[in-house]
Amino acid sequence: MEHPKADCRSFLARLYLYLDGEIDELSKADIDRHLEACTGCEQHLVFERDLKALVRRKCSEQPDAILIERLRVEIQRRL
């Protein structure tokens, strides 16, 4: 089903509020209805949600000792 570009623009403007759970229930319901009918926006949501999860996961991992040493050596070399 084709959607007016304004609907998709409205969705994209509220995407991060939606993903972060920082949106009111009425707006959430509106977005949920849009996502049920618009596969393009649904795909965009899935991509952004997965990207946020990847960044969160990678930022919480501790780098291994080899990487830390390589970084230390490279910083010293450039100084």
PDB file of N, CA and C in Angstrom:
ATOM      1  N   MET A   1       0.847  -1.184   0.000  1.00  0.00           N
ATOM      2  CA  MET A   1       0.000   0.000   0.000  1.00  0.00           C
ATOM      3  C   MET A   1       0.891   1.245   0.000  1.00  0.00           C
ATOM      4  N   GLU A   2       0.578   2.169  -0.870  1.00  0.00           N
ATOM      5  CA  GLU A   2       1.355   3.402  -0.985  1.00  0.00           C
ATOM      6  C   GLU A   2       0.918   4.390   0.093  1.00  0.00           C
ATOM      7  N   HIS A   3       1.887   5.036   0.712  1.00  0.00           N
ATOM      8  CA  HIS A   3       1.604   6.001   1.776  1.00  0.00           C
ATOM      9  C   HIS A   3       2.034   7.385   1.328  1.00  0.00           C
ATOM     10  N   PRO A   4       1.311   8.391   1.779  1.00  0.00           N
ATOM     11  CA  PRO A   4       1.776   9.749   1.489  1.00  0.00           C
ATOM     12  C   PRO A   4       3.161   9.965   2.097  1.00  0.00           C
ATOM     13  N   LYS A   5       4.006  10.658   1.374  1.00  0.00           N
ATOM     14  CA  LYS A   5       5.365  10.922   1.869  1.00  0.00           C
ATOM     15  C   LYS A   5       5.332  11.635   3.213  1.00  0.00           C
ATOM     16  N   ALA A   6       4.302  12.426   3.449  1.00  0.00           N
ATOM     17  CA  ALA A   6       4.183  13.138   4.730  1.00  0.00           C
ATOM     18  C   ALA A   6       4.076  12.159   5.886  1.00  0.00           C
ATOM     19  N   ASP A   7       3.357  11.042   5.692  1.00  0.00           N
ATOM     20  CA  ASP A   7       3.244  10.032   6.749  1.00  0.00           C
ATOM     21  C   ASP A   7       4.610   9.443   7.074  1.00  0.00           C
ATOM     22  N   CYS A   8       5.370   9.134   6.046  1.00  0.00           N
ATOM     23  CA  CYS A   8       6.700   8.552   6.251  1.00  0.00           C
ATOM     24  C   CYS A   8       7.640   9.582   6.878  1.00  0.00           C
ATOM     25  N   ARG A   9       7.564  10.834   6.447  1.00  0.00           N
ATOM     26  CA  ARG A   9       8.401  11.876   7.049  1.00  0.00           C
ATOM     27  C   ARG A   9       8.058  12.047   8.525  1.00  0.00           C
ATOM     28  N   SER A  10       6.779  11.993   8.850  1.00  0.00           N
ATOM     29  CA  SER A  10       6.346  12.108  10.245  1.00  0.00           C
ATOM     30  C   SER A  10       6.893  10.937  11.062  1.00  0.00           C
ATOM     31  N   PHE A  11       6.849   9.739  10.493  1.00  0.00           N
ATOM     32  CA  PHE A  11       7.395   8.565  11.169  1.00  0.00           C
ATOM     33  C   PHE A  11       8.892   8.746  11.422  1.00  0.00           C
ATOM     34  N   LEU A  12       9.629   9.136  10.379  1.00  0.00           N
ATOM     35  CA  LEU A  12      11.079   9.274  10.509  1.00  0.00           C
ATOM     36  C   LEU A  12      11.460  10.355  11.513  1.00  0.00           C
ATOM     37  N   ALA A  13      10.654  11.400  11.601  1.00  0.00           N
ATOM     38  CA  ALA A  13      10.936  12.472  12.557  1.00  0.00           C
ATOM     39  C   ALA A  13      10.793  11.997  14.000  1.00  0.00           C
ATOM     40  N   ARG A  14       9.979  10.966  14.212  1.00  0.00           N
ATOM     41  CA  ARG A  14       9.739  10.457  15.568  1.00  0.00           C
ATOM     42  C   ARG A  14      10.389   9.106  15.824  1.00  0.00           C
ATOM     43  N   LEU A  15      11.170   8.613  14.871  1.00  0.00           N
ATOM     44  CA  LEU A  15      11.741   7.269  14.958  1.00  0.00           C
ATOM     45  C   LEU A  15      12.563   7.047  16.223  1.00  0.00           C
ATOM     46  N   TYR A  16      13.481   7.954  16.537  1.00  0.00           N
ATOM     47  CA  TYR A  16      14.361   7.721  17.687  1.00  0.00           C
ATOM     48  C   TYR A  16      13.611   7.859  19.002  1.00  0.00           C
ATOM     49  N   LEU A  17      12.639   8.738  19.062  1.00  0.00           N
ATOM     50  CA  LEU A  17      11.796   8.809  20.262  1.00  0.00           C
ATOM     51  C   LEU A  17      11.062   7.484  20.448  1.00  0.00           C
ATOM     52  N   TYR A  18      10.574   6.931  19.354  1.00  0.00           N
ATOM     53  CA  TYR A  18       9.872   5.646  19.376  1.00  0.00           C
ATOM     54  C   TYR A  18      10.816   4.533  19.847  1.00  0.00           C
ATOM     55  N   LEU A  19      11.994   4.460  19.240  1.00  0.00           N
ATOM     56  CA  LEU A  19      12.953   3.408  19.600  1.00  0.00           C
ATOM     57  C   LEU A  19      13.406   3.514  21.057  1.00  0.00           C
ATOM     58  N   ASP A  20      13.513   4.730  21.560  1.00  0.00           N
ATOM     59  CA  ASP A  20      13.977   4.942  22.932  1.00  0.00           C
ATOM     60  C   ASP A  20      12.847   4.889  23.953  1.00  0.00           C
ATOM     61  N   GLY A  21      11.612   4.656  23.495  1.00  0.00           N
ATOM     62  CA  GLY A  21      10.472   4.591  24.405  1.00  0.00           C
ATOM     63  C   GLY A  21      10.140   5.939  25.023  1.00  0.00           C
ATOM     64  N   GLU A  22      10.457   7.013  24.330  1.00  0.00           N
ATOM     65  CA  GLU A  22      10.243   8.359  24.852  1.00  0.00           C
ATOM     66  C   GLU A  22       9.122   9.072  24.105  1.00  0.00           C
ATOM     67  N   ILE A  23       8.086   8.331  23.762  1.00  0.00           N
ATOM     68  CA  ILE A  23       6.986   8.883  22.983  1.00  0.00           C
ATOM     69  C   ILE A  23       5.675   8.568  23.699  1.00  0.00           C
ATOM     70  N   ASP A  24       4.717   9.470  23.577  1.00  0.00           N
ATOM     71  CA  ASP A  24       3.435   9.249  24.257  1.00  0.00           C
ATOM     72  C   ASP A  24       2.662   8.110  23.587  1.00  0.00           C
ATOM     73  N   GLU A  25       1.713   7.555  24.324  1.00  0.00           N
ATOM     74  CA  GLU A  25       0.978   6.374  23.854  1.00  0.00           C
ATOM     75  C   GLU A  25       0.201   6.636  22.563  1.00  0.00           C
ATOM     76  N   LEU A  26      -0.380   7.816  22.423  1.00  0.00           N
ATOM     77  CA  LEU A  26      -1.137   8.138  21.211  1.00  0.00           C
ATOM     78  C   LEU A  26      -0.220   8.151  19.991  1.00  0.00           C
ATOM     79  N   SER A  27       0.937   8.769  20.117  1.00  0.00           N
ATOM     80  CA  SER A  27       1.903   8.798  19.015  1.00  0.00           C
ATOM     81  C   SER A  27       2.445   7.403  18.732  1.00  0.00           C
ATOM     82  N   LYS A  28       2.663   6.613  19.778  1.00  0.00           N
ATOM     83  CA  LYS A  28       3.142   5.243  19.596  1.00  0.00           C
ATOM     84  C   LYS A  28       2.131   4.428  18.800  1.00  0.00           C
ATOM     85  N   ALA A  29       0.865   4.561  19.144  1.00  0.00           N
ATOM     86  CA  ALA A  29      -0.184   3.836  18.429  1.00  0.00           C
ATOM     87  C   ALA A  29      -0.243   4.271  16.967  1.00  0.00           C
ATOM     88  N   ASP A  30      -0.081   5.564  16.720  1.00  0.00           N
ATOM     89  CA  ASP A  30      -0.074   6.091  15.364  1.00  0.00           C
ATOM     90  C   ASP A  30       1.084   5.501  14.567  1.00  0.00           C
ATOM     91  N   ILE A  31       2.248   5.448  15.168  1.00  0.00           N
ATOM     92  CA  ILE A  31       3.423   4.878  14.502  1.00  0.00           C
ATOM     93  C   ILE A  31       3.235   3.384  14.271  1.00  0.00           C
ATOM     94  N   ASP A  32       2.704   2.682  15.259  1.00  0.00           N
ATOM     95  CA  ASP A  32       2.457   1.239  15.098  1.00  0.00           C
ATOM     96  C   ASP A  32       1.534   0.968  13.902  1.00  0.00           C
ATOM     97  N   ARG A  33       0.484   1.778  13.754  1.00  0.00           N
ATOM     98  CA  ARG A  33      -0.428   1.614  12.614  1.00  0.00           C
ATOM     99  C   ARG A  33       0.316   1.869  11.303  1.00  0.00           C
ATOM    100  N   HIS A  34       1.141   2.890  11.288  1.00  0.00           N
ATOM    101  CA  HIS A  34       1.902   3.195  10.077  1.00  0.00           C
ATOM    102  C   HIS A  34       2.839   2.032   9.735  1.00  0.00           C
ATOM    103  N   LEU A  35       3.501   1.487  10.736  1.00  0.00           N
ATOM    104  CA  LEU A  35       4.440   0.389  10.491  1.00  0.00           C
ATOM    105  C   LEU A  35       3.750  -0.863   9.972  1.00  0.00           C
ATOM    106  N   GLU A  36       2.528  -1.108  10.407  1.00  0.00           N
ATOM    107  CA  GLU A  36       1.782  -2.277   9.934  1.00  0.00           C
ATOM    108  C   GLU A  36       1.527  -2.217   8.434  1.00  0.00           C
ATOM    109  N   ALA A  37       1.423  -1.002   7.902  1.00  0.00           N
ATOM    110  CA  ALA A  37       1.064  -0.846   6.502  1.00  0.00           C
ATOM    111  C   ALA A  37       2.225  -0.423   5.603  1.00  0.00           C
ATOM    112  N   CYS A  38       3.311   0.049   6.170  1.00  0.00           N
ATOM    113  CA  CYS A  38       4.400   0.610   5.358  1.00  0.00           C
ATOM    114  C   CYS A  38       5.677  -0.214   5.554  1.00  0.00           C
ATOM    115  N   THR A  39       5.965  -1.074   4.604  1.00  0.00           N
ATOM    116  CA  THR A  39       7.142  -1.943   4.727  1.00  0.00           C
ATOM    117  C   THR A  39       8.446  -1.163   4.648  1.00  0.00           C
ATOM    118  N   GLY A  40       8.460  -0.067   3.906  1.00  0.00           N
ATOM    119  CA  GLY A  40       9.676   0.738   3.812  1.00  0.00           C
ATOM    120  C   GLY A  40      10.075   1.305   5.167  1.00  0.00           C
ATOM    121  N   CYS A  41       9.109   1.863   5.878  1.00  0.00           N
ATOM    122  CA  CYS A  41       9.402   2.418   7.205  1.00  0.00           C
ATOM    123  C   CYS A  41       9.699   1.300   8.202  1.00  0.00           C
ATOM    124  N   GLU A  42       9.022   0.171   8.045  1.00  0.00           N
ATOM    125  CA  GLU A  42       9.297  -0.960   8.933  1.00  0.00           C
ATOM    126  C   GLU A  42      10.741  -1.431   8.761  1.00  0.00           C
ATOM    127  N   GLN A  43      11.207  -1.497   7.525  1.00  0.00           N
ATOM    128  CA  GLN A  43      12.595  -1.899   7.265  1.00  0.00           C
ATOM    129  C   GLN A  43      13.566  -0.876   7.853  1.00  0.00           C
ATOM    130  N   HIS A  44      13.226   0.386   7.746  1.00  0.00           N
ATOM    131  CA  HIS A  44      14.071   1.432   8.316  1.00  0.00           C
ATOM    132  C   HIS A  44      14.131   1.288   9.836  1.00  0.00           C
ATOM    133  N   LEU A  45      13.001   1.021  10.453  1.00  0.00           N
ATOM    134  CA  LEU A  45      12.945   0.818  11.901  1.00  0.00           C
ATOM    135  C   LEU A  45      13.822  -0.364  12.314  1.00  0.00           C
ATOM    136  N   VAL A  46      13.708  -1.464  11.611  1.00  0.00           N
ATOM    137  CA  VAL A  46      14.499  -2.665  11.930  1.00  0.00           C
ATOM    138  C   VAL A  46      15.988  -2.359  11.818  1.00  0.00           C
ATOM    139  N   PHE A  47      16.387  -1.666  10.757  1.00  0.00           N
ATOM    140  CA  PHE A  47      17.795  -1.314  10.584  1.00  0.00           C
ATOM    141  C   PHE A  47      18.289  -0.452  11.733  1.00  0.00           C
ATOM    142  N   GLU A  48      17.559   0.602  12.062  1.00  0.00           N
ATOM    143  CA  GLU A  48      17.974   1.518  13.132  1.00  0.00           C
ATOM    144  C   GLU A  48      17.987   0.813  14.490  1.00  0.00           C
ATOM    145  N   ARG A  49      16.996  -0.028  14.743  1.00  0.00           N
ATOM    146  CA  ARG A  49      16.952  -0.771  16.008  1.00  0.00           C
ATOM    147  C   ARG A  49      18.154  -1.709  16.128  1.00  0.00           C
ATOM    148  N   ASP A  50      18.462  -2.414  15.036  1.00  0.00           N
ATOM    149  CA  ASP A  50      19.603  -3.327  15.049  1.00  0.00           C
ATOM    150  C   ASP A  50      20.922  -2.568  15.172  1.00  0.00           C
ATOM    151  N   LEU A  51      21.033  -1.419  14.521  1.00  0.00           N
ATOM    152  CA  LEU A  51      22.238  -0.598  14.618  1.00  0.00           C
ATOM    153  C   LEU A  51      22.439  -0.108  16.046  1.00  0.00           C
ATOM    154  N   LYS A  52      21.377   0.369  16.687  1.00  0.00           N
ATOM    155  CA  LYS A  52      21.480   0.812  18.077  1.00  0.00           C
ATOM    156  C   LYS A  52      21.912  -0.334  18.987  1.00  0.00           C
ATOM    157  N   ALA A  53      21.377  -1.530  18.753  1.00  0.00           N
ATOM    158  CA  ALA A  53      21.743  -2.691  19.567  1.00  0.00           C
ATOM    159  C   ALA A  53      23.214  -3.055  19.363  1.00  0.00           C
ATOM    160  N   LEU A  54      23.688  -2.987  18.122  1.00  0.00           N
ATOM    161  CA  LEU A  54      25.086  -3.288  17.825  1.00  0.00           C
ATOM    162  C   LEU A  54      26.020  -2.280  18.503  1.00  0.00           C
ATOM    163  N   VAL A  55      25.698  -1.007  18.410  1.00  0.00           N
ATOM    164  CA  VAL A  55      26.527   0.021  19.044  1.00  0.00           C
ATOM    165  C   VAL A  55      26.538  -0.175  20.554  1.00  0.00           C
ATOM    166  N   ARG A  56      25.370  -0.431  21.119  1.00  0.00           N
ATOM    167  CA  ARG A  56      25.279  -0.654  22.577  1.00  0.00           C
ATOM    168  C   ARG A  56      26.137  -1.848  22.987  1.00  0.00           C
ATOM    169  N   ARG A  57      26.053  -2.931  22.222  1.00  0.00           N
ATOM    170  CA  ARG A  57      26.811  -4.146  22.540  1.00  0.00           C
ATOM    171  C   ARG A  57      28.312  -3.901  22.405  1.00  0.00           C
ATOM    172  N   LYS A  58      28.726  -3.246  21.325  1.00  0.00           N
ATOM    173  CA  LYS A  58      30.150  -3.013  21.089  1.00  0.00           C
ATOM    174  C   LYS A  58      30.737  -2.025  22.095  1.00  0.00           C
ATOM    175  N   CYS A  59      29.950  -1.063  22.516  1.00  0.00           N
ATOM    176  CA  CYS A  59      30.448  -0.077  23.486  1.00  0.00           C
ATOM    177  C   CYS A  59      30.580  -0.665  24.882  1.00  0.00           C
ATOM    178  N   SER A  60      29.892  -1.742  25.146  1.00  0.00           N
ATOM    179  CA  SER A  60      29.970  -2.337  26.476  1.00  0.00           C
ATOM    180  C   SER A  60      31.059  -3.405  26.571  1.00  0.00           C
ATOM    181  N   GLU A  61      31.622  -3.811  25.436  1.00  0.00           N
ATOM    182  CA  GLU A  61      32.683  -4.815  25.445  1.00  0.00           C
ATOM    183  C   GLU A  61      34.015  -4.172  25.831  1.00  0.00           C
ATOM    184  N   GLN A  62      34.799  -4.906  26.569  1.00  0.00           N
ATOM    185  CA  GLN A  62      36.143  -4.451  26.920  1.00  0.00           C
ATOM    186  C   GLN A  62      37.102  -4.874  25.813  1.00  0.00           C
ATOM    187  N   PRO A  63      37.957  -3.965  25.349  1.00  0.00           N
ATOM    188  CA  PRO A  63      38.922  -4.356  24.323  1.00  0.00           C
ATOM    189  C   PRO A  63      39.933  -5.342  24.907  1.00  0.00           C
ATOM    190  N   ASP A  64      40.433  -6.226  24.052  1.00  0.00           N
ATOM    191  CA  ASP A  64      41.407  -7.202  24.553  1.00  0.00           C
ATOM    192  C   ASP A  64      42.780  -6.546  24.716  1.00  0.00           C
ATOM    193  N   ALA A  65      43.655  -7.217  25.413  1.00  0.00           N
ATOM    194  CA  ALA A  65      44.981  -6.672  25.757  1.00  0.00           C
ATOM    195  C   ALA A  65      45.811  -6.370  24.511  1.00  0.00           C
ATOM    196  N   ILE A  66      45.680  -7.176  23.486  1.00  0.00           N
ATOM    197  CA  ILE A  66      46.459  -6.966  22.256  1.00  0.00           C
ATOM    198  C   ILE A  66      46.046  -5.647  21.602  1.00  0.00           C
ATOM    199  N   LEU A  67      44.752  -5.396  21.534  1.00  0.00           N
ATOM    200  CA  LEU A  67      44.273  -4.148  20.947  1.00  0.00           C
ATOM    201  C   LEU A  67      44.737  -2.947  21.765  1.00  0.00           C
ATOM    202  N   ILE A  68      44.653  -3.050  23.063  1.00  0.00           N
ATOM    203  CA  ILE A  68      45.102  -1.955  23.932  1.00  0.00           C
ATOM    204  C   ILE A  68      46.577  -1.668  23.697  1.00  0.00           C
ATOM    205  N   GLU A  69      47.395  -2.704  23.610  1.00  0.00           N
ATOM    206  CA  GLU A  69      48.833  -2.524  23.384  1.00  0.00           C
ATOM    207  C   GLU A  69      49.086  -1.917  22.006  1.00  0.00           C
ATOM    208  N   ARG A  70      48.394  -2.373  20.978  1.00  0.00           N
ATOM    209  CA  ARG A  70      48.562  -1.806  19.641  1.00  0.00           C
ATOM    210  C   ARG A  70      48.208  -0.326  19.630  1.00  0.00           C
ATOM    211  N   LEU A  71      47.133   0.033  20.298  1.00  0.00           N
ATOM    212  CA  LEU A  71      46.737   1.441  20.377  1.00  0.00           C
ATOM    213  C   LEU A  71      47.791   2.270  21.123  1.00  0.00           C
ATOM    214  N   ARG A  72      48.292   1.721  22.235  1.00  0.00           N
ATOM    215  CA  ARG A  72      49.309   2.429  23.011  1.00  0.00           C
ATOM    216  C   ARG A  72      50.555   2.678  22.173  1.00  0.00           C
ATOM    217  N   VAL A  73      51.005   1.651  21.451  1.00  0.00           N
ATOM    218  CA  VAL A  73      52.193   1.773  20.594  1.00  0.00           C
ATOM    219  C   VAL A  73      51.946   2.812  19.499  1.00  0.00           C
ATOM    220  N   GLU A  74      50.791   2.760  18.877  1.00  0.00           N
ATOM    221  CA  GLU A  74      50.483   3.684  17.789  1.00  0.00           C
ATOM    222  C   GLU A  74      50.397   5.134  18.302  1.00  0.00           C
ATOM    223  N   ILE A  75      49.818   5.330  19.449  1.00  0.00           N
ATOM    224  CA  ILE A  75      49.763   6.677  20.040  1.00  0.00           C
ATOM    225  C   ILE A  75      51.162   7.179  20.352  1.00  0.00           C
ATOM    226  N   GLN A  76      51.986   6.351  20.956  1.00  0.00           N
ATOM    227  CA  GLN A  76      53.368   6.741  21.253  1.00  0.00           C
ATOM    228  C   GLN A  76      54.135   7.081  19.978  1.00  0.00           C
ATOM    229  N   ARG A  77      53.930   6.284  18.948  1.00  0.00           N
ATOM    230  CA  ARG A  77      54.628   6.506  17.677  1.00  0.00           C
ATOM    231  C   ARG A  77      54.239   7.849  17.086  1.00  0.00           C
ATOM    232  N   ARG A  78      52.992   8.220  17.190  1.00  0.00           N
ATOM    233  CA  ARG A  78      52.513   9.485  16.599  1.00  0.00           C
ATOM    234  C   ARG A  78      52.879  10.698  17.445  1.00  0.00           C
ATOM    235  N   LEU A  79      53.143  10.485  18.729  1.00  0.00           N
ATOM    236  CA  LEU A  79      53.541  11.592  19.587  1.00  0.00           C
ATOM    237  C   LEU A  79      54.997  11.898  19.351  1.00  0.00           C
TER     238      LEU A  79
END
